[in-house]
Amino acid sequence: MLTKRDLMRVAGAAALSTPALATAPAQAGWFSSRPGFFKAKDIAEAGFIYGLPMVMAYGILYEYAVDKSSKLYRAPLNVLSNEARVFTWQDTAVVTPNSDTPYSFVWMDLRAEPMVISVPAVEAKRYYSVQLVDFNTYNFGYVGSRATGNVAGSYLVAGPDWTGSTPVGIRRVFRSTTDIALGLFRTQLFDPADIENVKKVQAGYKAQPLSAFLNQPAPPPAPAFDFPKFEKDLVRTEFFEYLDFALSLAPALPEDRWIRDQLAKIGVGPGKSFDFRALSLEDKAEILLGMKEGQRKVEAAVATFGKDINGWRVGSPFGDAAFFHGDWLMRAAAAQAGILGNDAVEAMYPMAKVDADGQPLDCAKASYTLTFQKGQLPPVEAFWSVTMYDGKTQLLVKNPIDRYLINSPMLPNLKTGPDGALTLYIQAKSPGPERESNWLPAPEGPIYVVMRLYWPKSTPPSILPPGEGTWQPPRIRKV
C-alpha cells in the first residue's frame, strides 16, 4: 500500500533524477503556447496538490483489491474482507494507523449496478461505523452507532450515474461521486479477550450487488479495468501517469473543471498519458519545480491546519464534496495527515508534536506526562484513545509491553492520583512498576501523539465545533 511519506517524497526524488516515464506517443506541443493563465510549473504544482489524494487512494485500492501478490491483498472488488485484529508496529503500509478498532473493507465497483451493505444488530454498548469514501476521498455517508443506530439494516451504495428507485428492504441510499468507492468498517474492541465477540459482529456484515440482494439476474458486467501496476518507486517518477488513471475513475464535478482543464493542457487526464521525456529541458524543470512546490505547500498545510490548543493541532480536514468545496490544499493535507479520516461528528483527531513549551516532543531527550484532571476526560459518546507514533515515520512503535495506545476501555486498570486526576507517562523506558499501568511506551527519538475521540459529544463540554469547543486537550508536559 502507498504510504503518505512515500508520496511526499515524490517531487523531491523526481527533482534528483531523470525519469523514464510513459511510453505513449509524445505530444511535444503541449507547452509550446502555454494557453491560459497557468504556466507549466503552476499546472504541475496545482495538479500535484489536486491529484495527491486520488493517487494515494489508487495505491490503497491496488494493494488491497487488485494485486494478489501483495502481502496487503484482502479481496477483489465487491467482496468484503474482515480483519479480526488491530494494527501493530508490524503494519507499515499506512501511516498514523488506528489501533483501536478491527477493520473490515470492501472496495466497490459501482458501474454495472449499486452495492448493498447489510449490518447486523450490534449490542448497544459497542460502537461501530461504516464509513463510505469515494475515489475523491470524500466521505459521502455513514452507517453505524452514531448515524443509523445499532439496529440491523441494509443500505444501498450507488454510483454517480445510477437512476433507479429505492428498493424494498433498503433503509437508505448513499450516492458516491465516483464509480469506485470504499466501505470502511470499524468495530470497537474492548480488550484482547473481546476479539471473539468482534468476530461475531464482523460475521454479520455483508456486501453484495443489488441484483443479488433482490435475488434477480445480474446486469451485464462493466468492462474490465486495465489497472496500471502500482509500485512505490514508480510513483516518484510517474505521478502524473497514475493521476491519468485515477482521474478516469472520478468524473469531474463542477468545482473540478477548471483544474481538469489546466491539467489537460499538459496532457494529463482520462485517456491521456503524460510523457515527461517529450518535454524540453525548460519544461521538465518547470514540472519538477511545480511538484516540489506542491509538496512544500501540502507539508506546510499539515503543520498549520486547525488551531493550536495547548500544543495540539485541533481541526477537522475530512468531509464530503460540499465540505471541501474545491479546497484542494486542505484535501491534500488531510490525506497526508491521515487518509481515510472521519468527519468531525464521527471522530476528532487532536495531534501533538510539541510539548507545553512548544518544543518538539523527543523521548531521546526527555520524558513527558499527559494529565487529565478529574472530570475532564475527553467527552465522547463512544470512546477515546491516545496513541503513540514514531515522530519520523508516523508508524506504531515496537515496545516491550506491546502497548500502542491507552484508551477509555482501559480505565478500570489505570491508576488515578489522590485528586482523581489521570496521568499518562509518555517515555521510552518504563516509569516503574507502580506507574507502568499508565505507561504509553515511546521510541528513543522524536514522537507524534494522536488523540482519537469517537463520536464526540455535541453538547458542552465538547471538542466541537473543531478548534472552538468548550473542552480542550491538556498540555503534554516535560518531566
Protein backbone atom coordinates (compact mmCIF):
# COMPACT_ATOMS: atom_id res chain seq x y z
CA MET A 1 0.00 0.00 0.00
CA LEU A 2 1.07 3.52 -0.68
CA THR A 3 2.29 5.43 2.31
CA LYS A 4 1.91 9.15 2.64
CA ARG A 5 5.57 9.66 3.38
CA ASP A 6 6.44 7.97 0.06
CA LEU A 7 4.10 10.28 -1.78
CA MET A 8 5.50 13.32 -0.06
CA ARG A 9 8.93 12.35 -1.36
CA VAL A 10 7.70 12.15 -4.95
CA ALA A 11 8.61 15.65 -6.02
CA GLY A 12 11.93 15.75 -4.19
CA ALA A 13 13.02 12.40 -5.57
CA ALA A 14 11.94 13.33 -9.08
CA ALA A 15 13.96 16.52 -8.92
CA LEU A 16 17.11 14.49 -8.34
CA SER A 17 16.74 12.05 -11.22
CA THR A 18 15.94 11.85 -14.91
CA PRO A 19 12.72 9.83 -15.05
CA ALA A 20 11.90 7.23 -17.65
CA LEU A 21 8.19 7.67 -17.90
CA ALA A 22 5.31 6.71 -20.12
CA THR A 23 5.62 5.06 -23.49
CA ALA A 24 2.70 6.93 -25.07
CA PRO A 25 3.40 8.99 -28.21
CA ALA A 26 4.98 12.32 -27.41
CA GLN A 27 2.88 15.42 -27.57
CA ALA A 28 5.66 17.93 -27.98
CA GLY A 29 3.29 20.82 -28.47
CA TRP A 30 1.81 20.61 -25.00
CA PHE A 31 3.76 23.59 -23.70
CA SER A 32 4.50 25.43 -26.91
CA SER A 33 1.90 28.14 -26.38
CA ARG A 34 1.10 27.64 -22.69
CA PRO A 35 -2.54 28.70 -23.08
CA GLY A 36 -4.44 30.16 -20.15
CA PHE A 37 -3.02 31.86 -17.09
CA PHE A 38 -1.07 28.86 -15.79
CA LYS A 39 2.47 28.07 -16.83
CA ALA A 40 3.82 24.53 -16.77
CA LYS A 41 5.18 24.96 -13.24
CA ASP A 42 1.87 26.30 -11.99
CA ILE A 43 -0.09 23.46 -13.57
CA ALA A 44 2.28 20.84 -12.11
CA GLU A 45 2.04 22.43 -8.67
CA ALA A 46 -1.75 22.65 -8.72
CA GLY A 47 -2.02 19.19 -10.28
CA PHE A 48 0.17 17.63 -7.61
CA ILE A 49 -1.94 19.14 -4.82
CA TYR A 50 -5.22 18.29 -6.55
CA GLY A 51 -4.21 14.75 -7.52
CA LEU A 52 -2.31 13.61 -4.43
CA PRO A 53 -5.29 12.15 -2.52
CA MET A 54 -6.53 10.25 -5.60
CA VAL A 55 -3.11 8.79 -6.38
CA MET A 56 -2.83 7.74 -2.74
CA ALA A 57 -6.30 6.18 -2.92
CA TYR A 58 -5.26 4.28 -6.03
CA GLY A 59 -2.24 2.87 -4.19
CA ILE A 60 -4.51 1.57 -1.43
CA LEU A 61 -7.01 0.15 -3.93
CA TYR A 62 -4.29 -1.59 -5.92
CA GLU A 63 -2.59 -3.26 -2.98
CA TYR A 64 -5.80 -4.24 -1.18
CA ALA A 65 -8.06 -5.30 -4.05
CA VAL A 66 -6.04 -5.72 -7.28
CA ASP A 67 -2.54 -7.10 -6.75
CA LYS A 68 -2.98 -10.65 -5.47
CA SER A 69 0.77 -10.94 -4.92
CA SER A 70 0.71 -8.08 -2.43
CA LYS A 71 1.04 -9.01 1.23
CA LEU A 72 -1.73 -6.48 1.84
CA TYR A 73 -4.17 -8.06 -0.62
CA ARG A 74 -7.51 -8.76 1.06
CA ALA A 75 -10.24 -9.37 -1.51
CA PRO A 76 -11.24 -8.43 -5.07
CA LEU A 77 -13.67 -5.64 -5.87
CA ASN A 78 -17.15 -6.08 -4.37
CA VAL A 79 -16.01 -8.70 -1.85
CA LEU A 80 -15.97 -7.89 1.87
CA SER A 81 -12.90 -8.75 3.93
CA ASN A 82 -12.70 -8.78 7.75
CA GLU A 83 -9.60 -8.15 9.86
CA ALA A 84 -10.16 -9.70 13.29
CA ARG A 85 -7.24 -7.87 14.87
CA VAL A 86 -5.90 -4.38 15.50
CA PHE A 87 -2.86 -2.83 13.83
CA THR A 88 0.58 -3.13 15.49
CA TRP A 89 4.13 -1.93 14.81
CA GLN A 90 4.38 -4.59 12.11
CA ASP A 91 1.76 -2.79 9.99
CA THR A 92 3.78 -0.31 7.95
CA ALA A 93 1.62 0.30 4.90
CA VAL A 94 -0.44 3.19 6.25
CA VAL A 95 0.96 5.95 8.41
CA THR A 96 -0.82 7.04 11.60
CA PRO A 97 -2.81 3.76 11.70
CA ASN A 98 -5.72 3.23 14.07
CA SER A 99 -5.02 0.54 16.67
CA ASP A 100 -8.42 0.87 18.38
CA THR A 101 -10.86 -0.93 16.10
CA PRO A 102 -10.55 -4.04 13.95
CA TYR A 103 -11.33 -3.18 10.34
CA SER A 104 -13.45 -4.64 7.59
CA PHE A 105 -13.09 -3.47 3.98
CA VAL A 106 -14.98 -3.60 0.72
CA TRP A 107 -13.79 -1.80 -2.40
CA MET A 108 -16.86 -1.38 -4.58
CA ASP A 109 -17.18 -1.15 -8.37
CA LEU A 110 -20.48 0.66 -8.88
CA ARG A 111 -20.50 0.86 -12.69
CA ALA A 112 -22.80 -2.07 -13.51
CA GLU A 113 -25.10 -1.74 -10.51
CA PRO A 114 -25.17 -0.47 -6.92
CA MET A 115 -23.91 -2.44 -3.96
CA VAL A 116 -25.90 -3.21 -0.82
CA ILE A 117 -24.21 -3.15 2.58
CA SER A 118 -26.03 -5.00 5.35
CA VAL A 119 -25.21 -4.84 9.05
CA PRO A 120 -26.47 -6.93 11.96
CA ALA A 121 -27.93 -5.68 15.21
CA VAL A 122 -24.96 -4.70 17.38
CA GLU A 123 -25.09 -4.59 21.18
CA ALA A 124 -25.82 -1.06 22.40
CA LYS A 125 -22.56 -0.61 24.29
CA ARG A 126 -20.36 -1.47 21.28
CA TYR A 127 -19.51 1.32 18.88
CA TYR A 128 -19.23 0.53 15.19
CA SER A 129 -19.25 2.55 12.00
CA VAL A 130 -19.24 2.05 8.25
CA GLN A 131 -17.52 4.99 6.58
CA LEU A 132 -18.27 5.39 2.87
CA VAL A 133 -15.44 7.05 0.95
CA ASP A 134 -15.32 7.72 -2.78
CA PHE A 135 -12.28 7.94 -5.03
CA ASN A 136 -12.10 11.69 -4.50
CA THR A 137 -11.51 10.75 -0.82
CA TYR A 138 -14.82 12.39 0.10
CA ASN A 139 -16.82 10.85 2.94
CA PHE A 140 -20.25 10.58 1.35
CA GLY A 141 -22.11 8.67 4.05
CA TYR A 142 -22.12 6.74 7.31
CA VAL A 143 -23.84 3.71 8.75
CA GLY A 144 -23.32 2.86 12.41
CA SER A 145 -23.88 3.69 16.05
CA ARG A 146 -23.99 7.46 15.58
CA ALA A 147 -25.51 7.72 12.12
CA THR A 148 -28.13 4.96 11.99
CA GLY A 149 -28.06 3.27 15.40
CA ASN A 150 -27.09 -0.27 16.34
CA VAL A 151 -30.11 -1.86 14.66
CA ALA A 152 -29.85 -4.27 11.75
CA GLY A 153 -30.40 -2.88 8.27
CA SER A 154 -29.43 -2.78 4.61
CA TYR A 155 -28.13 0.29 2.78
CA LEU A 156 -27.65 0.91 -0.92
CA VAL A 157 -24.47 2.49 -2.28
CA ALA A 158 -24.88 3.85 -5.82
CA GLY A 159 -22.53 5.41 -8.34
CA PRO A 160 -23.00 8.84 -9.90
CA ASP A 161 -25.00 7.57 -12.91
CA TRP A 162 -27.49 5.24 -11.21
CA THR A 163 -31.11 6.30 -11.79
CA GLY A 164 -33.11 3.56 -10.07
CA SER A 165 -35.65 3.89 -7.27
CA THR A 166 -35.08 2.77 -3.69
CA PRO A 167 -35.77 -0.99 -3.50
CA VAL A 168 -37.89 -2.59 -0.81
CA GLY A 169 -35.79 -3.53 2.19
CA ILE A 170 -33.31 -0.67 1.81
CA ARG A 171 -33.23 1.78 4.72
CA ARG A 172 -31.24 4.49 2.93
CA VAL A 173 -29.46 5.23 -0.36
CA PHE A 174 -25.95 6.72 -0.39
CA ARG A 175 -24.60 8.31 -3.57
CA SER A 176 -20.90 8.23 -4.44
CA THR A 177 -19.34 10.90 -6.69
CA THR A 178 -17.21 8.16 -8.29
CA ASP A 179 -17.75 4.66 -9.66
CA ILE A 180 -15.16 3.23 -7.27
CA ALA A 181 -15.83 3.60 -3.57
CA LEU A 182 -14.67 2.12 -0.28
CA GLY A 183 -16.74 0.84 2.61
CA LEU A 184 -14.54 1.04 5.70
CA PHE A 185 -15.94 -0.75 8.78
CA ARG A 186 -14.68 -0.10 12.32
CA THR A 187 -15.80 -2.36 15.18
CA GLN A 188 -14.92 -1.49 18.76
CA LEU A 189 -12.70 -3.95 20.64
CA PHE A 190 -12.95 -3.61 24.42
CA ASP A 191 -9.88 -5.70 25.30
CA PRO A 192 -7.89 -8.62 23.80
CA ALA A 193 -10.34 -11.16 25.25
CA ASP A 194 -13.17 -9.43 23.36
CA ILE A 195 -11.87 -10.39 19.92
CA GLU A 196 -14.21 -13.40 19.59
CA ASN A 197 -17.19 -11.09 20.10
CA VAL A 198 -15.83 -8.76 17.42
CA LYS A 199 -15.60 -11.72 15.05
CA LYS A 200 -19.29 -12.45 15.62
CA VAL A 201 -20.20 -8.87 14.74
CA GLN A 202 -18.00 -8.95 11.65
CA ALA A 203 -19.61 -12.21 10.54
CA GLY A 204 -22.88 -10.29 10.29
CA TYR A 205 -21.50 -7.66 7.90
CA LYS A 206 -22.41 -8.28 4.27
CA ALA A 207 -21.77 -6.57 0.93
CA GLN A 208 -23.43 -7.75 -2.29
CA PRO A 209 -24.60 -6.39 -5.64
CA LEU A 210 -28.17 -5.09 -5.73
CA SER A 211 -29.24 -7.90 -8.06
CA ALA A 212 -28.08 -10.49 -5.54
CA PHE A 213 -29.86 -8.65 -2.72
CA LEU A 214 -33.09 -8.69 -4.79
CA ASN A 215 -32.50 -12.27 -5.99
CA GLN A 216 -32.66 -11.10 -9.59
CA PRO A 217 -30.45 -11.77 -12.64
CA ALA A 218 -27.33 -9.62 -12.69
CA PRO A 219 -26.98 -6.93 -15.36
CA PRO A 220 -24.15 -7.18 -17.94
CA PRO A 221 -20.79 -6.65 -16.25
CA ALA A 222 -18.89 -3.44 -16.73
CA PRO A 223 -15.71 -3.61 -18.87
CA ALA A 224 -12.68 -4.95 -17.05
CA PHE A 225 -10.29 -2.36 -15.68
CA ASP A 226 -6.77 -2.15 -17.05
CA PHE A 227 -5.15 -1.28 -13.73
CA PRO A 228 -1.63 0.15 -14.12
CA LYS A 229 0.89 -1.69 -11.98
CA PHE A 230 1.46 0.23 -8.79
CA GLU A 231 4.92 0.44 -7.29
CA LYS A 232 6.11 2.94 -4.71
CA ASP A 233 9.27 3.68 -6.68
CA LEU A 234 7.25 4.36 -9.82
CA VAL A 235 5.20 6.99 -8.00
CA ARG A 236 8.37 9.04 -7.69
CA THR A 237 8.66 9.37 -11.46
CA GLU A 238 5.18 8.60 -12.78
CA PHE A 239 2.91 10.57 -10.50
CA PHE A 240 1.00 12.17 -13.36
CA GLU A 241 0.64 8.85 -15.19
CA TYR A 242 -1.07 7.41 -12.12
CA LEU A 243 -3.15 10.55 -11.94
CA ASP A 244 -4.26 9.94 -15.56
CA PHE A 245 -5.81 6.66 -14.48
CA ALA A 246 -7.17 7.97 -11.18
CA LEU A 247 -8.99 10.77 -12.99
CA SER A 248 -10.66 8.21 -15.25
CA LEU A 249 -12.29 6.77 -12.11
CA ALA A 250 -13.52 10.15 -10.88
CA PRO A 251 -15.90 12.11 -13.15
CA ALA A 252 -15.31 15.84 -12.97
CA LEU A 253 -17.51 17.71 -10.52
CA PRO A 254 -18.39 21.36 -11.24
CA GLU A 255 -15.65 22.59 -8.94
CA ASP A 256 -13.10 20.29 -10.64
CA ARG A 257 -13.48 21.55 -14.17
CA TRP A 258 -11.04 24.44 -14.06
CA ILE A 259 -8.17 22.33 -12.73
CA ARG A 260 -9.05 19.46 -15.08
CA ASP A 261 -8.92 21.90 -17.99
CA GLN A 262 -5.49 23.11 -16.92
CA LEU A 263 -4.16 19.56 -16.48
CA ALA A 264 -5.43 18.65 -19.96
CA LYS A 265 -3.19 21.38 -21.39
CA ILE A 266 -0.13 19.40 -20.29
CA GLY A 267 -1.58 16.07 -21.37
CA VAL A 268 -2.92 14.87 -18.02
CA GLY A 269 -6.44 13.48 -17.79
CA PRO A 270 -8.65 10.46 -18.50
CA GLY A 271 -7.40 8.59 -21.54
CA LYS A 272 -4.16 10.58 -21.70
CA SER A 273 -0.65 9.62 -20.70
CA PHE A 274 1.74 12.27 -19.54
CA ASP A 275 5.13 11.87 -21.26
CA PHE A 276 7.88 13.65 -19.38
CA ARG A 277 10.53 12.66 -21.91
CA ALA A 278 8.85 14.62 -24.68
CA LEU A 279 9.30 17.92 -22.89
CA SER A 280 12.07 20.44 -23.34
CA LEU A 281 14.65 20.84 -20.59
CA GLU A 282 12.98 24.09 -19.58
CA ASP A 283 9.57 22.47 -19.29
CA LYS A 284 10.97 19.46 -17.44
CA ALA A 285 12.48 21.82 -14.91
CA GLU A 286 9.17 23.64 -14.51
CA ILE A 287 7.27 20.39 -13.93
CA LEU A 288 9.75 19.25 -11.28
CA LEU A 289 9.77 22.61 -9.59
CA GLY A 290 5.98 22.69 -9.61
CA MET A 291 5.73 19.27 -7.98
CA LYS A 292 8.30 20.24 -5.37
CA GLU A 293 6.45 23.44 -4.56
CA GLY A 294 3.20 21.50 -4.33
CA GLN A 295 4.83 19.14 -1.87
CA ARG A 296 6.10 22.04 0.22
CA LYS A 297 2.66 23.62 0.38
CA VAL A 298 1.00 20.37 1.43
CA GLU A 299 3.52 19.85 4.22
CA ALA A 300 3.06 23.41 5.40
CA ALA A 301 -0.72 23.00 5.37
CA VAL A 302 -0.47 19.87 7.53
CA ALA A 303 1.75 21.69 10.04
CA THR A 304 -0.59 24.65 10.37
CA PHE A 305 -4.01 23.09 9.89
CA GLY A 306 -6.63 23.71 12.54
CA LYS A 307 -6.00 25.61 15.75
CA ASP A 308 -3.09 25.31 18.17
CA ILE A 309 -4.64 24.40 21.52
CA ASN A 310 -2.20 23.56 24.31
CA GLY A 311 0.31 22.24 21.76
CA TRP A 312 -2.28 20.10 19.94
CA ARG A 313 -3.47 20.82 16.42
CA VAL A 314 -7.25 20.65 16.63
CA GLY A 315 -9.28 20.76 13.46
CA SER A 316 -11.24 18.57 11.08
CA PRO A 317 -9.98 18.29 7.49
CA PHE A 318 -12.34 15.46 6.45
CA GLY A 319 -15.78 15.59 4.88
CA ASP A 320 -17.86 15.35 1.74
CA ALA A 321 -17.59 17.27 -1.53
CA ALA A 322 -19.54 20.22 -0.14
CA PHE A 323 -17.23 20.36 2.87
CA PHE A 324 -14.10 20.78 0.72
CA HIS A 325 -15.83 22.92 -1.93
CA GLY A 326 -12.78 22.88 -4.19
CA ASP A 327 -10.18 23.45 -1.44
CA TRP A 328 -7.62 21.03 -2.90
CA LEU A 329 -4.86 22.03 -0.49
CA MET A 330 -6.98 21.13 2.53
CA ARG A 331 -7.91 17.83 0.89
CA ALA A 332 -4.25 17.01 0.19
CA ALA A 333 -3.25 17.98 3.72
CA ALA A 334 -5.99 15.74 5.11
CA ALA A 335 -4.70 12.82 3.04
CA GLN A 336 -1.13 13.32 4.21
CA ALA A 337 -2.13 13.72 7.85
CA GLY A 338 -4.27 10.57 7.80
CA ILE A 339 -6.01 9.49 4.64
CA LEU A 340 -9.49 8.00 5.15
CA GLY A 341 -10.11 10.06 8.29
CA ASN A 342 -13.61 10.58 9.65
CA ASP A 343 -15.87 13.62 9.67
CA ALA A 344 -15.69 15.64 12.89
CA VAL A 345 -19.08 14.40 14.11
CA GLU A 346 -17.83 10.81 13.84
CA ALA A 347 -14.33 11.29 15.25
CA MET A 348 -11.91 14.05 16.15
CA TYR A 349 -8.13 13.66 15.97
CA PRO A 350 -6.10 16.17 18.03
CA MET A 351 -2.43 15.75 17.06
CA ALA A 352 0.65 16.80 19.04
CA LYS A 353 4.31 17.08 18.08
CA VAL A 354 5.32 19.68 20.67
CA ASP A 355 5.24 19.91 24.46
CA ALA A 356 3.73 22.57 26.74
CA ASP A 357 6.67 24.87 25.99
CA GLY A 358 6.33 24.50 22.24
CA GLN A 359 9.43 22.29 21.97
CA PRO A 360 9.42 19.21 19.71
CA LEU A 361 8.50 16.00 21.53
CA ASP A 362 11.62 13.83 21.71
CA CYS A 363 11.89 10.88 24.11
CA ALA A 364 15.62 10.59 23.49
CA LYS A 365 15.95 13.87 25.36
CA ALA A 366 13.07 13.87 27.84
CA SER A 367 10.11 12.08 29.37
CA TYR A 368 6.62 13.54 29.42
CA THR A 369 3.27 13.38 31.20
CA LEU A 370 -0.26 13.96 29.98
CA THR A 371 -2.71 14.62 32.81
CA PHE A 372 -6.49 14.68 32.61
CA GLN A 373 -7.90 16.40 35.67
CA LYS A 374 -10.83 14.79 37.48
CA GLY A 375 -13.99 15.15 35.42
CA GLN A 376 -12.06 16.34 32.36
CA LEU A 377 -11.56 13.16 30.35
CA PRO A 378 -12.29 13.50 26.62
CA PRO A 379 -16.08 13.93 26.25
CA VAL A 380 -17.39 11.23 23.92
CA GLU A 381 -20.48 9.14 23.30
CA ALA A 382 -18.35 6.12 22.29
CA PHE A 383 -14.71 6.01 23.43
CA TRP A 384 -11.38 7.86 23.29
CA SER A 385 -7.73 6.89 22.94
CA VAL A 386 -4.22 8.35 22.99
CA THR A 387 -1.87 6.63 20.51
CA MET A 388 1.91 6.84 20.22
CA TYR A 389 3.73 7.08 16.87
CA ASP A 390 7.33 7.41 15.82
CA GLY A 391 7.80 11.08 15.00
CA LYS A 392 9.79 10.34 11.84
CA THR A 393 7.77 7.53 10.29
CA GLN A 394 4.34 8.16 11.88
CA LEU A 395 4.14 4.40 12.49
CA LEU A 396 3.26 2.50 15.65
CA VAL A 397 6.19 1.79 17.94
CA LYS A 398 7.55 -1.63 18.89
CA ASN A 399 7.82 -1.82 22.67
CA PRO A 400 8.35 -4.42 25.42
CA ILE A 401 4.72 -4.47 26.62
CA ASP A 402 3.03 -4.43 23.18
CA ARG A 403 1.06 -1.31 24.08
CA TYR A 404 0.43 1.22 21.33
CA LEU A 405 -2.27 3.29 22.97
CA ILE A 406 -4.18 3.97 26.14
CA ASN A 407 -7.95 4.23 25.73
CA SER A 408 -11.09 4.62 27.78
CA PRO A 409 -11.91 0.89 27.93
CA MET A 410 -8.63 0.54 29.89
CA LEU A 411 -9.77 2.99 32.60
CA PRO A 412 -10.60 0.28 35.19
CA ASN A 413 -6.95 -0.83 35.07
CA LEU A 414 -5.43 2.67 35.15
CA LYS A 415 -4.35 4.44 38.33
CA THR A 416 -5.54 7.89 39.32
CA GLY A 417 -3.98 10.29 41.79
CA PRO A 418 -5.41 11.31 45.20
CA ASP A 419 -7.17 14.21 43.49
CA GLY A 420 -8.77 11.90 40.91
CA ALA A 421 -6.53 13.07 38.05
CA LEU A 422 -5.37 10.54 35.45
CA THR A 423 -1.71 10.92 34.42
CA LEU A 424 -0.23 9.07 31.45
CA TYR A 425 3.54 8.58 31.35
CA ILE A 426 4.98 9.13 27.88
CA GLN A 427 8.58 7.89 27.79
CA ALA A 428 10.95 5.36 26.26
CA LYS A 429 11.70 3.41 29.44
CA SER A 430 9.26 2.04 31.97
CA PRO A 431 8.30 4.55 34.70
CA GLY A 432 8.49 1.69 37.21
CA PRO A 433 6.07 -1.00 38.42
CA GLU A 434 3.81 1.44 40.28
CA ARG A 435 3.22 3.55 37.18
CA GLU A 436 3.53 1.02 34.37
CA SER A 437 -0.26 0.62 34.07
CA ASN A 438 -0.32 4.23 32.85
CA TRP A 439 2.77 3.99 30.63
CA LEU A 440 2.49 4.87 26.95
CA PRO A 441 5.76 3.48 25.53
CA ALA A 442 7.68 5.74 23.15
CA PRO A 443 10.71 5.37 20.89
CA GLU A 444 14.01 6.95 21.86
CA GLY A 445 13.65 9.87 19.49
CA PRO A 446 11.01 12.21 18.05
CA ILE A 447 7.42 11.21 18.79
CA TYR A 448 3.98 12.04 17.44
CA VAL A 449 0.90 11.66 19.66
CA VAL A 450 -2.67 11.43 18.36
CA MET A 451 -5.89 11.50 20.34
CA ARG A 452 -9.00 9.91 18.90
CA LEU A 453 -12.42 10.92 20.14
CA TYR A 454 -15.03 8.62 18.62
CA TRP A 455 -18.49 10.12 18.39
CA PRO A 456 -17.58 13.28 20.29
CA LYS A 457 -20.31 14.80 22.44
CA SER A 458 -22.16 17.62 20.74
CA THR A 459 -23.18 19.44 23.93
CA PRO A 460 -20.75 21.13 26.36
CA PRO A 461 -18.25 20.10 27.39
CA SER A 462 -17.36 19.18 23.82
CA ILE A 463 -14.43 19.40 21.43
CA LEU A 464 -16.95 20.50 18.80
CA PRO A 465 -17.02 22.68 16.83
CA PRO A 466 -13.42 21.84 15.85
CA GLY A 467 -10.99 24.28 17.39
CA GLU A 468 -13.75 26.22 19.17
CA GLY A 469 -15.15 23.63 21.61
CA THR A 470 -15.51 24.05 25.35
CA TRP A 471 -13.27 21.02 26.04
CA GLN A 472 -9.57 21.31 25.26
CA PRO A 473 -6.87 18.61 25.31
CA PRO A 474 -4.40 19.14 28.17
CA ARG A 475 -0.76 20.02 27.57
CA ILE A 476 1.93 17.40 27.28
CA ARG A 477 4.49 18.39 29.91
CA LYS A 478 8.18 17.60 30.13
CA VAL A 479 9.16 15.78 33.31
